[in-house]
Amino acid sequence: MVKYEAKLDATFAALADPTRRAILARLARGDTNVGVLARPFDMSLPAVSKHLRVLERAGMLRQDRQGRVRLCRLRADPLKAAARWIDRYSRFWTGQLDALAAFVEQEPSGESDVDSTSRRGRKG
């Protein structure tokens, strides 16, 4: 269980940064090299490489060398595990909110008669 939680922590930590999320979004369209991944960002190539290492340690990215070029590939397993974790809590909260809605929509027995009687008895 500890290993699963550590992987989940690494996944969410990696996803916490908007640059890394943008890199993952680009990789979702297909494999590409580091230079192409770095192009949209206003940062140095070493800074982008640090982001790539975080994604790689979290298991969301694989880098392969092809000569002088590093080709990056998205690995979806950690994202799938995070989605399952989120889905479990989503189902819980959906059930809780459905129960709350049902409770709120119920008219408490007898309360409406008391309210209308007390309002009719008032003058002015």
PDB file of N, CA and C in Angstrom:
ATOM      1  N   MET A   1       0.816  -1.198   0.000  1.00  0.00           N
ATOM      2  CA  MET A   1       0.000   0.000   0.000  1.00  0.00           C
ATOM      3  C   MET A   1       0.862   1.265   0.000  1.00  0.00           C
ATOM      4  N   VAL A   2       1.989   1.216   0.707  1.00  0.00           N
ATOM      5  CA  VAL A   2       2.880   2.370   0.772  1.00  0.00           C
ATOM      6  C   VAL A   2       3.409   2.716  -0.612  1.00  0.00           C
ATOM      7  N   LYS A   3       3.776   1.692  -1.387  1.00  0.00           N
ATOM      8  CA  LYS A   3       4.296   1.934  -2.735  1.00  0.00           C
ATOM      9  C   LYS A   3       3.236   2.596  -3.613  1.00  0.00           C
ATOM     10  N   TYR A   4       1.980   2.111  -3.518  1.00  0.00           N
ATOM     11  CA  TYR A   4       0.872   2.699  -4.283  1.00  0.00           C
ATOM     12  C   TYR A   4       0.693   4.163  -3.901  1.00  0.00           C
ATOM     13  N   GLU A   5       0.708   4.447  -2.597  1.00  0.00           N
ATOM     14  CA  GLU A   5       0.525   5.822  -2.138  1.00  0.00           C
ATOM     15  C   GLU A   5       1.688   6.711  -2.567  1.00  0.00           C
ATOM     16  N   ALA A   6       2.898   6.190  -2.549  1.00  0.00           N
ATOM     17  CA  ALA A   6       4.064   6.968  -2.986  1.00  0.00           C
ATOM     18  C   ALA A   6       3.958   7.304  -4.472  1.00  0.00           C
ATOM     19  N   LYS A   7       3.508   6.346  -5.257  1.00  0.00           N
ATOM     20  CA  LYS A   7       3.328   6.597  -6.698  1.00  0.00           C
ATOM     21  C   LYS A   7       2.237   7.634  -6.933  1.00  0.00           C
ATOM     22  N   LEU A   8       1.154   7.520  -6.162  1.00  0.00           N
ATOM     23  CA  LEU A   8       0.062   8.477  -6.287  1.00  0.00           C
ATOM     24  C   LEU A   8       0.531   9.872  -5.877  1.00  0.00           C
ATOM     25  N   ASP A   9       1.314   9.968  -4.808  1.00  0.00           N
ATOM     26  CA  ASP A   9       1.873  11.253  -4.384  1.00  0.00           C
ATOM     27  C   ASP A   9       2.748  11.854  -5.474  1.00  0.00           C
ATOM     28  N   ALA A  10       3.582  11.036  -6.089  1.00  0.00           N
ATOM     29  CA  ALA A  10       4.462  11.520  -7.160  1.00  0.00           C
ATOM     30  C   ALA A  10       3.653  11.996  -8.358  1.00  0.00           C
ATOM     31  N   THR A  11       2.573  11.288  -8.661  1.00  0.00           N
ATOM     32  CA  THR A  11       1.714  11.678  -9.786  1.00  0.00           C
ATOM     33  C   THR A  11       1.081  13.036  -9.533  1.00  0.00           C
ATOM     34  N   PHE A  12       0.470  13.199  -8.357  1.00  0.00           N
ATOM     35  CA  PHE A  12      -0.186  14.474  -8.062  1.00  0.00           C
ATOM     36  C   PHE A  12       0.823  15.612  -7.933  1.00  0.00           C
ATOM     37  N   ALA A  13       2.002  15.339  -7.399  1.00  0.00           N
ATOM     38  CA  ALA A  13       3.040  16.369  -7.311  1.00  0.00           C
ATOM     39  C   ALA A  13       3.467  16.811  -8.711  1.00  0.00           C
ATOM     40  N   ALA A  14       3.611  15.862  -9.611  1.00  0.00           N
ATOM     41  CA  ALA A  14       3.991  16.192 -10.986  1.00  0.00           C
ATOM     42  C   ALA A  14       2.891  16.984 -11.683  1.00  0.00           C
ATOM     43  N   LEU A  15       1.642  16.625 -11.420  1.00  0.00           N
ATOM     44  CA  LEU A  15       0.516  17.310 -12.057  1.00  0.00           C
ATOM     45  C   LEU A  15       0.256  18.697 -11.476  1.00  0.00           C
ATOM     46  N   ALA A  16       0.854  19.003 -10.338  1.00  0.00           N
ATOM     47  CA  ALA A  16       0.614  20.282  -9.674  1.00  0.00           C
ATOM     48  C   ALA A  16       1.197  21.466 -10.447  1.00  0.00           C
ATOM     49  N   ASP A  17       2.113  21.212 -11.341  1.00  0.00           N
ATOM     50  CA  ASP A  17       2.778  22.294 -12.065  1.00  0.00           C
ATOM     51  C   ASP A  17       2.164  22.480 -13.457  1.00  0.00           C
ATOM     52  N   PRO A  18       1.801  23.710 -13.817  1.00  0.00           N
ATOM     53  CA  PRO A  18       1.164  23.941 -15.132  1.00  0.00           C
ATOM     54  C   PRO A  18       2.082  23.629 -16.315  1.00  0.00           C
ATOM     55  N   THR A  19       3.385  23.820 -16.168  1.00  0.00           N
ATOM     56  CA  THR A  19       4.313  23.492 -17.258  1.00  0.00           C
ATOM     57  C   THR A  19       4.290  21.995 -17.521  1.00  0.00           C
ATOM     58  N   ARG A  20       4.308  21.206 -16.464  1.00  0.00           N
ATOM     59  CA  ARG A  20       4.288  19.752 -16.639  1.00  0.00           C
ATOM     60  C   ARG A  20       2.959  19.283 -17.214  1.00  0.00           C
ATOM     61  N   ARG A  21       1.864  19.916 -16.803  1.00  0.00           N
ATOM     62  CA  ARG A  21       0.559  19.551 -17.396  1.00  0.00           C
ATOM     63  C   ARG A  21       0.541  19.880 -18.887  1.00  0.00           C
ATOM     64  N   ALA A  22       1.127  20.994 -19.269  1.00  0.00           N
ATOM     65  CA  ALA A  22       1.194  21.371 -20.690  1.00  0.00           C
ATOM     66  C   ALA A  22       2.062  20.381 -21.468  1.00  0.00           C
ATOM     67  N   ILE A  23       3.147  19.942 -20.865  1.00  0.00           N
ATOM     68  CA  ILE A  23       4.009  18.946 -21.517  1.00  0.00           C
ATOM     69  C   ILE A  23       3.224  17.655 -21.735  1.00  0.00           C
ATOM     70  N   LEU A  24       2.499  17.217 -20.715  1.00  0.00           N
ATOM     71  CA  LEU A  24       1.689  15.993 -20.855  1.00  0.00           C
ATOM     72  C   LEU A  24       0.624  16.157 -21.932  1.00  0.00           C
ATOM     73  N   ALA A  25       0.009  17.333 -21.983  1.00  0.00           N
ATOM     74  CA  ALA A  25      -1.016  17.583 -23.016  1.00  0.00           C
ATOM     75  C   ALA A  25      -0.396  17.476 -24.408  1.00  0.00           C
ATOM     76  N   ARG A  26       0.820  17.994 -24.575  1.00  0.00           N
ATOM     77  CA  ARG A  26       1.491  17.894 -25.884  1.00  0.00           C
ATOM     78  C   ARG A  26       1.824  16.448 -26.194  1.00  0.00           C
ATOM     79  N   LEU A  27       2.296  15.692 -25.198  1.00  0.00           N
ATOM     80  CA  LEU A  27       2.649  14.294 -25.425  1.00  0.00           C
ATOM     81  C   LEU A  27       1.421  13.426 -25.695  1.00  0.00           C
ATOM     82  N   ALA A  28       0.265  13.855 -25.243  1.00  0.00           N
ATOM     83  CA  ALA A  28      -0.967  13.105 -25.522  1.00  0.00           C
ATOM     84  C   ALA A  28      -1.269  13.088 -27.024  1.00  0.00           C
ATOM     85  N   ARG A  29      -0.717  14.042 -27.751  1.00  0.00           N
ATOM     86  CA  ARG A  29      -0.907  14.083 -29.213  1.00  0.00           C
ATOM     87  C   ARG A  29       0.093  13.200 -29.940  1.00  0.00           C
ATOM     88  N   GLY A  30       1.125  12.747 -29.235  1.00  0.00           N
ATOM     89  CA  GLY A  30       2.113  11.876 -29.860  1.00  0.00           C
ATOM     90  C   GLY A  30       3.507  12.129 -29.339  1.00  0.00           C
ATOM     91  N   ASP A  31       4.381  11.175 -29.592  1.00  0.00           N
ATOM     92  CA  ASP A  31       5.770  11.263 -29.148  1.00  0.00           C
ATOM     93  C   ASP A  31       6.459  12.433 -29.841  1.00  0.00           C
ATOM     94  N   THR A  32       7.386  13.050 -29.137  1.00  0.00           N
ATOM     95  CA  THR A  32       8.144  14.150 -29.729  1.00  0.00           C
ATOM     96  C   THR A  32       9.475  14.311 -29.001  1.00  0.00           C
ATOM     97  N   ASN A  33      10.334  15.158 -29.539  1.00  0.00           N
ATOM     98  CA  ASN A  33      11.638  15.350 -28.920  1.00  0.00           C
ATOM     99  C   ASN A  33      11.609  16.512 -27.928  1.00  0.00           C
ATOM    100  N   VAL A  34      12.658  16.603 -27.136  1.00  0.00           N
ATOM    101  CA  VAL A  34      12.741  17.594 -26.065  1.00  0.00           C
ATOM    102  C   VAL A  34      12.687  19.017 -26.622  1.00  0.00           C
ATOM    103  N   GLY A  35      13.336  19.253 -27.742  1.00  0.00           N
ATOM    104  CA  GLY A  35      13.327  20.587 -28.341  1.00  0.00           C
ATOM    105  C   GLY A  35      11.924  21.064 -28.679  1.00  0.00           C
ATOM    106  N   VAL A  36      11.121  20.184 -29.235  1.00  0.00           N
ATOM    107  CA  VAL A  36       9.735  20.538 -29.571  1.00  0.00           C
ATOM    108  C   VAL A  36       8.936  20.796 -28.297  1.00  0.00           C
ATOM    109  N   LEU A  37       9.168  19.976 -27.271  1.00  0.00           N
ATOM    110  CA  LEU A  37       8.459  20.179 -26.001  1.00  0.00           C
ATOM    111  C   LEU A  37       8.843  21.505 -25.354  1.00  0.00           C
ATOM    112  N   ALA A  38      10.098  21.914 -25.496  1.00  0.00           N
ATOM    113  CA  ALA A  38      10.593  23.136 -24.860  1.00  0.00           C
ATOM    114  C   ALA A  38      10.137  24.401 -25.578  1.00  0.00           C
ATOM    115  N   ARG A  39       9.855  24.308 -26.848  1.00  0.00           N
ATOM    116  CA  ARG A  39       9.591  25.480 -27.687  1.00  0.00           C
ATOM    117  C   ARG A  39       8.539  26.443 -27.126  1.00  0.00           C
ATOM    118  N   PRO A  40       7.384  25.996 -26.637  1.00  0.00           N
ATOM    119  CA  PRO A  40       6.368  26.965 -26.198  1.00  0.00           C
ATOM    120  C   PRO A  40       6.673  27.663 -24.861  1.00  0.00           C
ATOM    121  N   PHE A  41       7.697  27.238 -24.166  1.00  0.00           N
ATOM    122  CA  PHE A  41       7.948  27.764 -22.829  1.00  0.00           C
ATOM    123  C   PHE A  41       9.068  28.795 -22.834  1.00  0.00           C
ATOM    124  N   ASP A  42       8.905  29.814 -22.030  1.00  0.00           N
ATOM    125  CA  ASP A  42       9.906  30.857 -21.895  1.00  0.00           C
ATOM    126  C   ASP A  42      10.878  30.459 -20.781  1.00  0.00           C
ATOM    127  N   MET A  43      11.626  29.381 -21.042  1.00  0.00           N
ATOM    128  CA  MET A  43      12.613  28.899 -20.077  1.00  0.00           C
ATOM    129  C   MET A  43      13.717  28.175 -20.830  1.00  0.00           C
ATOM    130  N   SER A  44      14.813  27.975 -20.136  1.00  0.00           N
ATOM    131  CA  SER A  44      15.967  27.317 -20.752  1.00  0.00           C
ATOM    132  C   SER A  44      15.692  25.825 -20.962  1.00  0.00           C
ATOM    133  N   LEU A  45      16.466  25.230 -21.833  1.00  0.00           N
ATOM    134  CA  LEU A  45      16.359  23.794 -22.080  1.00  0.00           C
ATOM    135  C   LEU A  45      16.661  22.987 -20.808  1.00  0.00           C
ATOM    136  N   PRO A  46      17.670  23.379 -20.003  1.00  0.00           N
ATOM    137  CA  PRO A  46      17.885  22.649 -18.748  1.00  0.00           C
ATOM    138  C   PRO A  46      16.685  22.733 -17.793  1.00  0.00           C
ATOM    139  N   ALA A  47      15.988  23.855 -17.784  1.00  0.00           N
ATOM    140  CA  ALA A  47      14.801  23.987 -16.923  1.00  0.00           C
ATOM    141  C   ALA A  47      13.691  23.043 -17.399  1.00  0.00           C
ATOM    142  N   VAL A  48      13.501  22.947 -18.705  1.00  0.00           N
ATOM    143  CA  VAL A  48      12.505  22.016 -19.251  1.00  0.00           C
ATOM    144  C   VAL A  48      12.926  20.581 -18.930  1.00  0.00           C
ATOM    145  N   SER A  49      14.219  20.312 -19.022  1.00  0.00           N
ATOM    146  CA  SER A  49      14.712  18.964 -18.703  1.00  0.00           C
ATOM    147  C   SER A  49      14.416  18.581 -17.253  1.00  0.00           C
ATOM    148  N   LYS A  50      14.465  19.543 -16.349  1.00  0.00           N
ATOM    149  CA  LYS A  50      14.114  19.263 -14.945  1.00  0.00           C
ATOM    150  C   LYS A  50      12.650  18.845 -14.839  1.00  0.00           C
ATOM    151  N   HIS A  51      11.775  19.539 -15.563  1.00  0.00           N
ATOM    152  CA  HIS A  51      10.358  19.162 -15.575  1.00  0.00           C
ATOM    153  C   HIS A  51      10.184  17.754 -16.132  1.00  0.00           C
ATOM    154  N   LEU A  52      10.926  17.445 -17.170  1.00  0.00           N
ATOM    155  CA  LEU A  52      10.837  16.113 -17.767  1.00  0.00           C
ATOM    156  C   LEU A  52      11.296  15.035 -16.789  1.00  0.00           C
ATOM    157  N   ARG A  53      12.322  15.336 -16.016  1.00  0.00           N
ATOM    158  CA  ARG A  53      12.788  14.362 -15.021  1.00  0.00           C
ATOM    159  C   ARG A  53      11.735  14.116 -13.936  1.00  0.00           C
ATOM    160  N   VAL A  54      11.036  15.162 -13.534  1.00  0.00           N
ATOM    161  CA  VAL A  54       9.959  14.991 -12.540  1.00  0.00           C
ATOM    162  C   VAL A  54       8.879  14.072 -13.112  1.00  0.00           C
ATOM    163  N   LEU A  55       8.499  14.319 -14.353  1.00  0.00           N
ATOM    164  CA  LEU A  55       7.486  13.475 -14.998  1.00  0.00           C
ATOM    165  C   LEU A  55       7.986  12.042 -15.160  1.00  0.00           C
ATOM    166  N   GLU A  56       9.265  11.909 -15.468  1.00  0.00           N
ATOM    167  CA  GLU A  56       9.847  10.575 -15.643  1.00  0.00           C
ATOM    168  C   GLU A  56       9.886   9.818 -14.311  1.00  0.00           C
ATOM    169  N   ARG A  57      10.280  10.492 -13.233  1.00  0.00           N
ATOM    170  CA  ARG A  57      10.298   9.849 -11.909  1.00  0.00           C
ATOM    171  C   ARG A  57       8.890   9.444 -11.468  1.00  0.00           C
ATOM    172  N   ALA A  58       7.887  10.216 -11.880  1.00  0.00           N
ATOM    173  CA  ALA A  58       6.493   9.890 -11.543  1.00  0.00           C
ATOM    174  C   ALA A  58       5.951   8.785 -12.443  1.00  0.00           C
ATOM    175  N   GLY A  59       6.733   8.386 -13.445  1.00  0.00           N
ATOM    176  CA  GLY A  59       6.322   7.299 -14.331  1.00  0.00           C
ATOM    177  C   GLY A  59       5.415   7.720 -15.468  1.00  0.00           C
ATOM    178  N   MET A  60       5.255   9.017 -15.669  1.00  0.00           N
ATOM    179  CA  MET A  60       4.340   9.508 -16.706  1.00  0.00           C
ATOM    180  C   MET A  60       5.023   9.784 -18.037  1.00  0.00           C
ATOM    181  N   LEU A  61       6.330   9.635 -18.056  1.00  0.00           N
ATOM    182  CA  LEU A  61       7.090   9.965 -19.253  1.00  0.00           C
ATOM    183  C   LEU A  61       8.226   8.972 -19.400  1.00  0.00           C
ATOM    184  N   ARG A  62       8.482   8.618 -20.643  1.00  0.00           N
ATOM    185  CA  ARG A  62       9.631   7.767 -20.953  1.00  0.00           C
ATOM    186  C   ARG A  62      10.461   8.489 -21.999  1.00  0.00           C
ATOM    187  N   GLN A  63      11.769   8.525 -21.785  1.00  0.00           N
ATOM    188  CA  GLN A  63      12.670   9.151 -22.752  1.00  0.00           C
ATOM    189  C   GLN A  63      13.563   8.083 -23.368  1.00  0.00           C
ATOM    190  N   ASP A  64      13.641   8.097 -24.677  1.00  0.00           N
ATOM    191  CA  ASP A  64      14.510   7.187 -25.416  1.00  0.00           C
ATOM    192  C   ASP A  64      15.473   8.019 -26.242  1.00  0.00           C
ATOM    193  N   ARG A  65      16.715   7.611 -26.241  1.00  0.00           N
ATOM    194  CA  ARG A  65      17.719   8.294 -27.073  1.00  0.00           C
ATOM    195  C   ARG A  65      17.732   7.678 -28.460  1.00  0.00           C
ATOM    196  N   GLN A  66      17.681   8.541 -29.443  1.00  0.00           N
ATOM    197  CA  GLN A  66      17.840   8.121 -30.831  1.00  0.00           C
ATOM    198  C   GLN A  66      18.951   8.996 -31.414  1.00  0.00           C
ATOM    199  N   GLY A  67      20.165   8.521 -31.275  1.00  0.00           N
ATOM    200  CA  GLY A  67      21.311   9.343 -31.671  1.00  0.00           C
ATOM    201  C   GLY A  67      21.477  10.464 -30.666  1.00  0.00           C
ATOM    202  N   ARG A  68      21.462  11.706 -31.158  1.00  0.00           N
ATOM    203  CA  ARG A  68      21.576  12.865 -30.273  1.00  0.00           C
ATOM    204  C   ARG A  68      20.222  13.360 -29.785  1.00  0.00           C
ATOM    205  N   VAL A  69      19.172  12.791 -30.285  1.00  0.00           N
ATOM    206  CA  VAL A  69      17.821  13.269 -29.976  1.00  0.00           C
ATOM    207  C   VAL A  69      17.203  12.416 -28.876  1.00  0.00           C
ATOM    208  N   ARG A  70      16.577  13.092 -27.904  1.00  0.00           N
ATOM    209  CA  ARG A  70      15.819  12.380 -26.869  1.00  0.00           C
ATOM    210  C   ARG A  70      14.343  12.448 -27.227  1.00  0.00           C
ATOM    211  N   LEU A  71      13.765  11.301 -27.508  1.00  0.00           N
ATOM    212  CA  LEU A  71      12.358  11.210 -27.855  1.00  0.00           C
ATOM    213  C   LEU A  71      11.561  10.939 -26.586  1.00  0.00           C
ATOM    214  N   CYS A  72      10.519  11.715 -26.373  1.00  0.00           N
ATOM    215  CA  CYS A  72       9.689  11.578 -25.171  1.00  0.00           C
ATOM    216  C   CYS A  72       8.352  10.938 -25.532  1.00  0.00           C
ATOM    217  N   ARG A  73       7.913  10.062 -24.641  1.00  0.00           N
ATOM    218  CA  ARG A  73       6.665   9.322 -24.860  1.00  0.00           C
ATOM    219  C   ARG A  73       5.841   9.362 -23.577  1.00  0.00           C
ATOM    220  N   LEU A  74       4.554   9.606 -23.705  1.00  0.00           N
ATOM    221  CA  LEU A  74       3.636   9.620 -22.571  1.00  0.00           C
ATOM    222  C   LEU A  74       3.391   8.201 -22.082  1.00  0.00           C
ATOM    223  N   ARG A  75       3.389   8.035 -20.770  1.00  0.00           N
ATOM    224  CA  ARG A  75       3.025   6.760 -20.143  1.00  0.00           C
ATOM    225  C   ARG A  75       1.796   7.049 -19.284  1.00  0.00           C
ATOM    226  N   ALA A  76       0.695   6.412 -19.598  1.00  0.00           N
ATOM    227  CA  ALA A  76      -0.591   6.776 -18.997  1.00  0.00           C
ATOM    228  C   ALA A  76      -0.927   6.029 -17.711  1.00  0.00           C
ATOM    229  N   ASP A  77      -0.205   4.981 -17.366  1.00  0.00           N
ATOM    230  CA  ASP A  77      -0.582   4.190 -16.185  1.00  0.00           C
ATOM    231  C   ASP A  77      -0.717   5.013 -14.908  1.00  0.00           C
ATOM    232  N   PRO A  78       0.225   5.913 -14.574  1.00  0.00           N
ATOM    233  CA  PRO A  78       0.046   6.710 -13.357  1.00  0.00           C
ATOM    234  C   PRO A  78      -1.191   7.611 -13.422  1.00  0.00           C
ATOM    235  N   LEU A  79      -1.494   8.117 -14.605  1.00  0.00           N
ATOM    236  CA  LEU A  79      -2.684   8.957 -14.761  1.00  0.00           C
ATOM    237  C   LEU A  79      -3.957   8.133 -14.574  1.00  0.00           C
ATOM    238  N   LYS A  80      -3.939   6.901 -15.054  1.00  0.00           N
ATOM    239  CA  LYS A  80      -5.086   6.013 -14.867  1.00  0.00           C
ATOM    240  C   LYS A  80      -5.301   5.718 -13.388  1.00  0.00           C
ATOM    241  N   ALA A  81      -4.215   5.480 -12.660  1.00  0.00           N
ATOM    242  CA  ALA A  81      -4.321   5.206 -11.228  1.00  0.00           C
ATOM    243  C   ALA A  81      -4.879   6.427 -10.488  1.00  0.00           C
ATOM    244  N   ALA A  82      -4.426   7.614 -10.862  1.00  0.00           N
ATOM    245  CA  ALA A  82      -4.937   8.841 -10.234  1.00  0.00           C
ATOM    246  C   ALA A  82      -6.417   9.036 -10.565  1.00  0.00           C
ATOM    247  N   ALA A  83      -6.796   8.740 -11.794  1.00  0.00           N
ATOM    248  CA  ALA A  83      -8.207   8.869 -12.195  1.00  0.00           C
ATOM    249  C   ALA A  83      -9.087   7.895 -11.407  1.00  0.00           C
ATOM    250  N   ARG A  84      -8.597   6.681 -11.172  1.00  0.00           N
ATOM    251  CA  ARG A  84      -9.363   5.712 -10.364  1.00  0.00           C
ATOM    252  C   ARG A  84      -9.519   6.217  -8.929  1.00  0.00           C
ATOM    253  N   TRP A  85      -8.452   6.788  -8.378  1.00  0.00           N
ATOM    254  CA  TRP A  85      -8.505   7.313  -7.019  1.00  0.00           C
ATOM    255  C   TRP A  85      -9.521   8.450  -6.931  1.00  0.00           C
ATOM    256  N   ILE A  86      -9.483   9.359  -7.893  1.00  0.00           N
ATOM    257  CA  ILE A  86     -10.428  10.480  -7.925  1.00  0.00           C
ATOM    258  C   ILE A  86     -11.847   9.971  -8.117  1.00  0.00           C
ATOM    259  N   ASP A  87     -12.027   8.988  -8.985  1.00  0.00           N
ATOM    260  CA  ASP A  87     -13.362   8.441  -9.254  1.00  0.00           C
ATOM    261  C   ASP A  87     -13.990   7.850  -7.997  1.00  0.00           C
ATOM    262  N   ARG A  88     -13.178   7.192  -7.178  1.00  0.00           N
ATOM    263  CA  ARG A  88     -13.696   6.602  -5.940  1.00  0.00           C
ATOM    264  C   ARG A  88     -14.289   7.689  -5.042  1.00  0.00           C
ATOM    265  N   TYR A  89     -13.594   8.799  -4.909  1.00  0.00           N
ATOM    266  CA  TYR A  89     -14.102   9.893  -4.079  1.00  0.00           C
ATOM    267  C   TYR A  89     -15.236  10.641  -4.771  1.00  0.00           C
ATOM    268  N   SER A  90     -15.202  10.706  -6.060  1.00  0.00           N
ATOM    269  CA  SER A  90     -16.285  11.336  -6.805  1.00  0.00           C
ATOM    270  C   SER A  90     -17.596  10.582  -6.582  1.00  0.00           C
ATOM    271  N   ARG A  91     -17.525   9.249  -6.634  1.00  0.00           N
ATOM    272  CA  ARG A  91     -18.736   8.446  -6.384  1.00  0.00           C
ATOM    273  C   ARG A  91     -19.229   8.645  -4.957  1.00  0.00           C
ATOM    274  N   PHE A  92     -18.306   8.727  -3.998  1.00  0.00           N
ATOM    275  CA  PHE A  92     -18.689   8.963  -2.606  1.00  0.00           C
ATOM    276  C   PHE A  92     -19.425  10.293  -2.477  1.00  0.00           C
ATOM    277  N   TRP A  93     -18.827  11.368  -3.009  1.00  0.00           N
ATOM    278  CA  TRP A  93     -19.441  12.685  -2.850  1.00  0.00           C
ATOM    279  C   TRP A  93     -20.721  12.820  -3.647  1.00  0.00           C
ATOM    280  N   THR A  94     -20.812  12.161  -4.785  1.00  0.00           N
ATOM    281  CA  THR A  94     -22.069  12.176  -5.534  1.00  0.00           C
ATOM    282  C   THR A  94     -23.173  11.546  -4.701  1.00  0.00           C
ATOM    283  N   GLY A  95     -22.874  10.421  -4.052  1.00  0.00           N
ATOM    284  CA  GLY A  95     -23.850   9.766  -3.182  1.00  0.00           C
ATOM    285  C   GLY A  95     -24.239  10.655  -2.016  1.00  0.00           C
ATOM    286  N   GLN A  96     -23.256  11.326  -1.418  1.00  0.00           N
ATOM    287  CA  GLN A  96     -23.550  12.226  -0.297  1.00  0.00           C
ATOM    288  C   GLN A  96     -24.418  13.397  -0.741  1.00  0.00           C
ATOM    289  N   LEU A  97     -24.104  13.986  -1.877  1.00  0.00           N
ATOM    290  CA  LEU A  97     -24.889  15.117  -2.373  1.00  0.00           C
ATOM    291  C   LEU A  97     -26.290  14.689  -2.798  1.00  0.00           C
ATOM    292  N   ASP A  98     -26.422  13.489  -3.371  1.00  0.00           N
ATOM    293  CA  ASP A  98     -27.753  12.978  -3.719  1.00  0.00           C
ATOM    294  C   ASP A  98     -28.594  12.786  -2.462  1.00  0.00           C
ATOM    295  N   ALA A  99     -27.987  12.253  -1.398  1.00  0.00           N
ATOM    296  CA  ALA A  99     -28.715  12.061  -0.141  1.00  0.00           C
ATOM    297  C   ALA A  99     -29.118  13.404   0.458  1.00  0.00           C
ATOM    298  N   LEU A 100     -28.235  14.386   0.388  1.00  0.00           N
ATOM    299  CA  LEU A 100     -28.554  15.716   0.893  1.00  0.00           C
ATOM    300  C   LEU A 100     -29.696  16.338   0.096  1.00  0.00           C
ATOM    301  N   ALA A 101     -29.652  16.199  -1.221  1.00  0.00           N
ATOM    302  CA  ALA A 101     -30.722  16.746  -2.057  1.00  0.00           C
ATOM    303  C   ALA A 101     -32.061  16.088  -1.724  1.00  0.00           C
ATOM    304  N   ALA A 102     -32.061  14.784  -1.537  1.00  0.00           N
ATOM    305  CA  ALA A 102     -33.297  14.083  -1.184  1.00  0.00           C
ATOM    306  C   ALA A 102     -33.814  14.562   0.169  1.00  0.00           C
ATOM    307  N   PHE A 103     -32.924  14.782   1.114  1.00  0.00           N
ATOM    308  CA  PHE A 103     -33.320  15.263   2.434  1.00  0.00           C
ATOM    309  C   PHE A 103     -33.926  16.661   2.345  1.00  0.00           C
ATOM    310  N   VAL A 104     -33.283  17.547   1.587  1.00  0.00           N
ATOM    311  CA  VAL A 104     -33.758  18.926   1.460  1.00  0.00           C
ATOM    312  C   VAL A 104     -35.098  18.982   0.744  1.00  0.00           C
ATOM    313  N   GLU A 105     -35.289  18.101  -0.227  1.00  0.00           N
ATOM    314  CA  GLU A 105     -36.527  18.116  -1.004  1.00  0.00           C
ATOM    315  C   GLU A 105     -37.718  17.541  -0.238  1.00  0.00           C
ATOM    316  N   GLN A 106     -37.464  16.806   0.819  1.00  0.00           N
ATOM    317  CA  GLN A 106     -38.556  16.265   1.635  1.00  0.00           C
ATOM    318  C   GLN A 106     -39.230  17.410   2.378  1.00  0.00           C
ATOM    319  N   GLU A 107     -40.558  17.344   2.451  1.00  0.00           N
ATOM    320  CA  GLU A 107     -41.270  18.323   3.277  1.00  0.00           C
ATOM    321  C   GLU A 107     -41.460  17.673   4.634  1.00  0.00           C
ATOM    322  N   PRO A 108     -40.943  18.275   5.667  1.00  0.00           N
ATOM    323  CA  PRO A 108     -41.113  17.666   6.991  1.00  0.00           C
ATOM    324  C   PRO A 108     -42.603  17.517   7.324  1.00  0.00           C
ATOM    325  N   SER A 109     -42.981  16.373   7.883  1.00  0.00           N
ATOM    326  CA  SER A 109     -44.394  16.109   8.151  1.00  0.00           C
ATOM    327  C   SER A 109     -44.936  17.070   9.191  1.00  0.00           C
ATOM    328  N   GLY A 110     -46.067  17.707   8.858  1.00  0.00           N
ATOM    329  CA  GLY A 110     -46.778  18.573   9.780  1.00  0.00           C
ATOM    330  C   GLY A 110     -46.241  19.988   9.864  1.00  0.00           C
ATOM    331  N   GLU A 111     -45.040  20.235   9.429  1.00  0.00           N
ATOM    332  CA  GLU A 111     -44.467  21.557   9.598  1.00  0.00           C
ATOM    333  C   GLU A 111     -45.184  22.596   8.734  1.00  0.00           C
ATOM    334  N   SER A 112     -45.626  22.219   7.541  1.00  0.00           N
ATOM    335  CA  SER A 112     -46.292  23.189   6.680  1.00  0.00           C
ATOM    336  C   SER A 112     -47.629  23.612   7.265  1.00  0.00           C
ATOM    337  N   ASP A 113     -48.358  22.695   7.960  1.00  0.00           N
ATOM    338  CA  ASP A 113     -49.636  23.049   8.584  1.00  0.00           C
ATOM    339  C   ASP A 113     -49.415  24.046   9.719  1.00  0.00           C
ATOM    340  N   VAL A 114     -48.388  23.839  10.497  1.00  0.00           N
ATOM    341  CA  VAL A 114     -48.086  24.737  11.615  1.00  0.00           C
ATOM    342  C   VAL A 114     -47.739  26.113  11.081  1.00  0.00           C
ATOM    343  N   ASP A 115     -46.930  26.173  10.030  1.00  0.00           N
ATOM    344  CA  ASP A 115     -46.529  27.460   9.470  1.00  0.00           C
ATOM    345  C   ASP A 115     -47.726  28.226   8.938  1.00  0.00           C
ATOM    346  N   SER A 116     -48.619  27.544   8.208  1.00  0.00           N
ATOM    347  CA  SER A 116     -49.756  28.255   7.627  1.00  0.00           C
ATOM    348  C   SER A 116     -50.723  28.691   8.701  1.00  0.00           C
ATOM    349  N   THR A 117     -50.907  27.899   9.777  1.00  0.00           N
ATOM    350  CA  THR A 117     -51.806  28.265  10.867  1.00  0.00           C
ATOM    351  C   THR A 117     -51.257  29.468  11.623  1.00  0.00           C
ATOM    352  N   SER A 118     -49.985  29.439  11.897  1.00  0.00           N
ATOM    353  CA  SER A 118     -49.407  30.550  12.655  1.00  0.00           C
ATOM    354  C   SER A 118     -49.419  31.828  11.840  1.00  0.00           C
ATOM    355  N   ARG A 119     -49.304  31.730  10.545  1.00  0.00           N
ATOM    356  CA  ARG A 119     -49.347  32.929   9.699  1.00  0.00           C
ATOM    357  C   ARG A 119     -50.763  33.482   9.627  1.00  0.00           C
ATOM    358  N   ARG A 120     -51.781  32.607   9.581  1.00  0.00           N
ATOM    359  CA  ARG A 120     -53.170  33.070   9.486  1.00  0.00           C
ATOM    360  C   ARG A 120     -53.605  33.762  10.768  1.00  0.00           C
ATOM    361  N   GLY A 121     -53.054  33.322  11.878  1.00  0.00           N
ATOM    362  CA  GLY A 121     -53.465  33.866  13.162  1.00  0.00           C
ATOM    363  C   GLY A 121     -52.901  35.255  13.417  1.00  0.00           C
ATOM    364  N   ARG A 122     -51.892  35.648  12.674  1.00  0.00           N
ATOM    365  CA  ARG A 122     -51.264  36.945  12.904  1.00  0.00           C
ATOM    366  C   ARG A 122     -52.058  38.055  12.214  1.00  0.00           C
ATOM    367  N   LYS A 123     -52.077  39.192  12.820  1.00  0.00           N
ATOM    368  CA  LYS A 123     -52.701  40.343  12.187  1.00  0.00           C
ATOM    369  C   LYS A 123     -51.638  41.414  12.004  1.00  0.00           C
ATOM    370  N   GLY A 124     -51.714  42.028  10.870  1.00  0.00           N
ATOM    371  CA  GLY A 124     -50.971  43.199  10.630  1.00  0.00           C
ATOM    372  C   GLY A 124     -49.637  43.148  10.244  1.00  0.00           C
TER     373      GLY A 124
END
